[in-house]
C-alpha cells in the first residue's frame, strides 16, 4: 500500500461522518397487567420445547448423521 492510501481513505469517509443518524424515541411504561406464575411457566416451557428440545435431539443423534450409508 502506498503512503497516500490513508489520506485517500480519510477523504472518502469524511462526508459519511457528518451524516446525522435519526435516533428512535422509545419510551417504556410499566405493564398494564402483571404476569402470573402460570403464564411465566407456560412461556418458559414453550421456549424449552421449541428451541432446546430439537437441538438436543440433533446433538444426541450426531453420530448417526456422520455415518455414510
N, C-alpha and C. Protein backbone atom coordinates (compact mmCIF):
# COMPACT_ATOMS: atom_id res chain seq x y z
N UNK A 1 0.85 -1.17 0.00
CA UNK A 1 0.00 0.00 0.00
C UNK A 1 0.89 1.23 0.00
N UNK A 2 0.40 2.22 -0.62
CA UNK A 2 1.21 3.42 -0.74
C UNK A 2 1.02 4.33 0.46
N UNK A 3 1.80 5.37 0.48
CA UNK A 3 1.73 6.34 1.56
C UNK A 3 0.45 7.16 1.47
N UNK A 4 -0.10 7.28 0.27
CA UNK A 4 -1.30 8.10 0.07
C UNK A 4 -2.59 7.39 0.45
N UNK A 5 -2.56 6.09 0.68
CA UNK A 5 -3.78 5.33 0.95
C UNK A 5 -4.55 5.85 2.16
N UNK A 6 -3.92 6.10 3.32
CA UNK A 6 -4.69 6.63 4.45
C UNK A 6 -5.34 7.98 4.14
N UNK A 7 -4.66 8.81 3.40
CA UNK A 7 -5.21 10.12 3.04
C UNK A 7 -6.41 9.96 2.12
N UNK A 8 -6.31 9.06 1.15
CA UNK A 8 -7.42 8.83 0.24
C UNK A 8 -8.62 8.24 0.97
N UNK A 9 -8.37 7.29 1.88
CA UNK A 9 -9.46 6.69 2.62
C UNK A 9 -10.14 7.71 3.54
N UNK A 10 -9.36 8.58 4.14
CA UNK A 10 -9.92 9.61 5.01
C UNK A 10 -10.78 10.57 4.18
N UNK A 11 -10.37 10.83 2.96
CA UNK A 11 -11.15 11.70 2.09
C UNK A 11 -12.48 11.06 1.69
N UNK A 12 -12.50 9.74 1.56
CA UNK A 12 -13.74 9.06 1.20
C UNK A 12 -14.70 8.93 2.38
N UNK A 13 -14.18 8.74 3.58
CA UNK A 13 -15.04 8.54 4.74
C UNK A 13 -15.39 9.83 5.45
N UNK A 14 -14.80 10.93 5.08
CA UNK A 14 -15.07 12.20 5.74
C UNK A 14 -16.52 12.63 5.66
N UNK A 15 -17.15 12.64 4.47
CA UNK A 15 -18.55 13.07 4.38
C UNK A 15 -19.52 12.14 5.12
N UNK A 16 -19.16 10.88 5.25
CA UNK A 16 -20.05 9.94 5.92
C UNK A 16 -20.15 10.26 7.40
N UNK A 17 -19.09 10.72 7.99
CA UNK A 17 -19.10 11.03 9.42
C UNK A 17 -20.02 12.19 9.76
N UNK A 18 -20.29 13.06 8.81
CA UNK A 18 -21.11 14.23 9.08
C UNK A 18 -22.61 13.96 8.95
N UNK A 19 -23.00 12.79 8.43
CA UNK A 19 -24.41 12.48 8.29
C UNK A 19 -25.03 12.24 9.66
N UNK A 20 -26.21 12.80 9.87
CA UNK A 20 -26.91 12.60 11.13
C UNK A 20 -27.78 11.36 11.02
N UNK A 21 -27.69 10.53 12.00
CA UNK A 21 -28.49 9.31 12.03
C UNK A 21 -29.67 9.57 12.95
N UNK A 22 -30.90 9.39 12.45
CA UNK A 22 -32.06 9.61 13.33
C UNK A 22 -32.10 8.57 14.44
N UNK A 23 -32.42 9.02 15.62
CA UNK A 23 -32.49 8.13 16.77
C UNK A 23 -33.95 7.85 17.10
N UNK A 24 -34.23 6.63 17.45
CA UNK A 24 -35.60 6.25 17.78
C UNK A 24 -35.96 6.78 19.17
N UNK A 25 -37.16 7.26 19.28
CA UNK A 25 -37.67 7.74 20.57
C UNK A 25 -38.51 6.63 21.20
N UNK A 26 -37.86 5.73 21.92
CA UNK A 26 -38.54 4.60 22.52
C UNK A 26 -38.68 4.88 24.01
N UNK A 27 -39.92 4.84 24.47
CA UNK A 27 -40.19 5.04 25.89
C UNK A 27 -40.96 3.84 26.40
N UNK A 28 -40.58 3.34 27.52
CA UNK A 28 -41.22 2.17 28.10
C UNK A 28 -42.09 2.58 29.27
N UNK A 29 -43.19 1.89 29.40
CA UNK A 29 -44.10 2.12 30.52
C UNK A 29 -44.22 0.83 31.31
N UNK A 30 -44.66 0.91 32.53
CA UNK A 30 -44.89 -0.33 33.29
C UNK A 30 -46.02 -1.12 32.64
N UNK A 31 -46.02 -2.45 32.79
CA UNK A 31 -47.06 -3.25 32.16
C UNK A 31 -48.44 -2.94 32.75
N UNK A 32 -49.46 -3.08 31.90
CA UNK A 32 -50.83 -2.84 32.37
C UNK A 32 -51.26 -3.93 33.33
N UNK A 33 -50.87 -5.18 33.02
CA UNK A 33 -51.21 -6.31 33.87
C UNK A 33 -49.94 -7.08 34.21
N UNK A 34 -49.81 -7.47 35.44
CA UNK A 34 -48.66 -8.27 35.85
C UNK A 34 -48.86 -9.70 35.37
N UNK A 35 -47.76 -10.35 34.94
CA UNK A 35 -47.83 -11.74 34.52
C UNK A 35 -47.90 -12.65 35.73
N UNK A 36 -48.76 -13.64 35.62
CA UNK A 36 -48.89 -14.61 36.71
C UNK A 36 -47.84 -15.69 36.61
N UNK A 37 -47.76 -16.49 37.66
CA UNK A 37 -46.78 -17.57 37.71
C UNK A 37 -47.07 -18.60 36.63
N UNK A 38 -48.34 -18.91 36.40
CA UNK A 38 -48.70 -19.91 35.40
C UNK A 38 -48.34 -19.43 33.99
N UNK A 39 -48.55 -18.16 33.70
CA UNK A 39 -48.21 -17.63 32.38
C UNK A 39 -46.71 -17.67 32.14
N UNK A 40 -45.93 -17.37 33.15
CA UNK A 40 -44.47 -17.43 33.02
C UNK A 40 -44.02 -18.87 32.82
N UNK A 41 -44.63 -19.81 33.55
CA UNK A 41 -44.27 -21.22 33.42
C UNK A 41 -44.61 -21.72 32.02
N UNK A 42 -45.75 -21.35 31.49
CA UNK A 42 -46.14 -21.76 30.13
C UNK A 42 -45.18 -21.18 29.10
N UNK A 43 -44.79 -19.92 29.25
CA UNK A 43 -43.86 -19.29 28.33
C UNK A 43 -42.49 -19.94 28.33
N UNK A 44 -41.97 -20.22 29.52
CA UNK A 44 -40.65 -20.86 29.61
C UNK A 44 -40.69 -22.30 29.08
N UNK A 45 -41.77 -23.01 29.35
CA UNK A 45 -41.90 -24.38 28.85
C UNK A 45 -41.99 -24.40 27.34
N UNK A 46 -42.74 -23.47 26.76
CA UNK A 46 -42.84 -23.45 25.29
C UNK A 46 -41.50 -23.07 24.66
N UNK A 47 -40.74 -22.18 25.27
CA UNK A 47 -39.41 -21.86 24.76
C UNK A 47 -38.50 -23.09 24.82
N UNK A 48 -38.58 -23.84 25.91
CA UNK A 48 -37.78 -25.04 26.04
C UNK A 48 -38.15 -26.05 24.97
N UNK A 49 -39.44 -26.27 24.78
CA UNK A 49 -39.88 -27.27 23.82
C UNK A 49 -39.55 -26.88 22.38
N UNK A 50 -39.65 -25.61 22.06
CA UNK A 50 -39.46 -25.17 20.68
C UNK A 50 -37.99 -24.98 20.29
N UNK A 51 -37.13 -24.67 21.25
CA UNK A 51 -35.73 -24.36 20.92
C UNK A 51 -34.78 -25.44 21.41
N UNK A 52 -34.85 -25.78 22.67
CA UNK A 52 -33.84 -26.69 23.24
C UNK A 52 -34.09 -28.15 22.90
N UNK A 53 -35.34 -28.57 22.80
CA UNK A 53 -35.63 -29.97 22.54
C UNK A 53 -35.16 -30.42 21.15
N UNK A 54 -35.47 -29.69 20.06
CA UNK A 54 -34.96 -30.12 18.75
C UNK A 54 -33.43 -30.10 18.65
N UNK A 55 -32.81 -29.08 19.22
CA UNK A 55 -31.34 -29.02 19.15
C UNK A 55 -30.72 -30.14 19.98
N UNK A 56 -31.32 -30.50 21.09
CA UNK A 56 -30.83 -31.63 21.88
C UNK A 56 -30.97 -32.94 21.14
N UNK A 57 -32.07 -33.09 20.39
CA UNK A 57 -32.28 -34.31 19.61
C UNK A 57 -31.21 -34.43 18.52
N UNK A 58 -30.92 -33.32 17.85
CA UNK A 58 -29.90 -33.34 16.80
C UNK A 58 -28.54 -33.68 17.40
N UNK A 59 -28.20 -33.09 18.52
CA UNK A 59 -26.91 -33.37 19.15
C UNK A 59 -26.80 -34.81 19.62
N UNK A 60 -27.90 -35.38 20.09
CA UNK A 60 -27.84 -36.76 20.56
C UNK A 60 -27.73 -37.75 19.40
N UNK A 61 -28.18 -37.37 18.21
CA UNK A 61 -28.10 -38.25 17.04
C UNK A 61 -26.99 -37.83 16.07
N UNK A 62 -26.02 -37.07 16.55
CA UNK A 62 -24.96 -36.56 15.70
C UNK A 62 -24.12 -37.68 15.09
N UNK A 63 -23.87 -38.73 15.84
CA UNK A 63 -23.06 -39.83 15.33
C UNK A 63 -23.74 -40.52 14.16
N UNK A 64 -25.06 -40.65 14.20
CA UNK A 64 -25.76 -41.29 13.08
C UNK A 64 -25.75 -40.41 11.84
N UNK A 65 -25.65 -39.09 12.03
CA UNK A 65 -25.55 -38.19 10.87
C UNK A 65 -24.17 -38.29 10.20
N UNK A 66 -23.15 -38.60 10.99
CA UNK A 66 -21.79 -38.68 10.46
C UNK A 66 -21.57 -39.93 9.63
N UNK A 67 -22.33 -40.99 9.90
CA UNK A 67 -22.16 -42.26 9.19
C UNK A 67 -22.65 -42.11 7.76
N UNK A 68 -21.88 -42.70 6.84
CA UNK A 68 -22.30 -42.71 5.44
C UNK A 68 -23.01 -44.02 5.17
N UNK A 69 -24.14 -43.94 4.55
CA UNK A 69 -24.90 -45.16 4.27
C UNK A 69 -25.01 -45.39 2.79
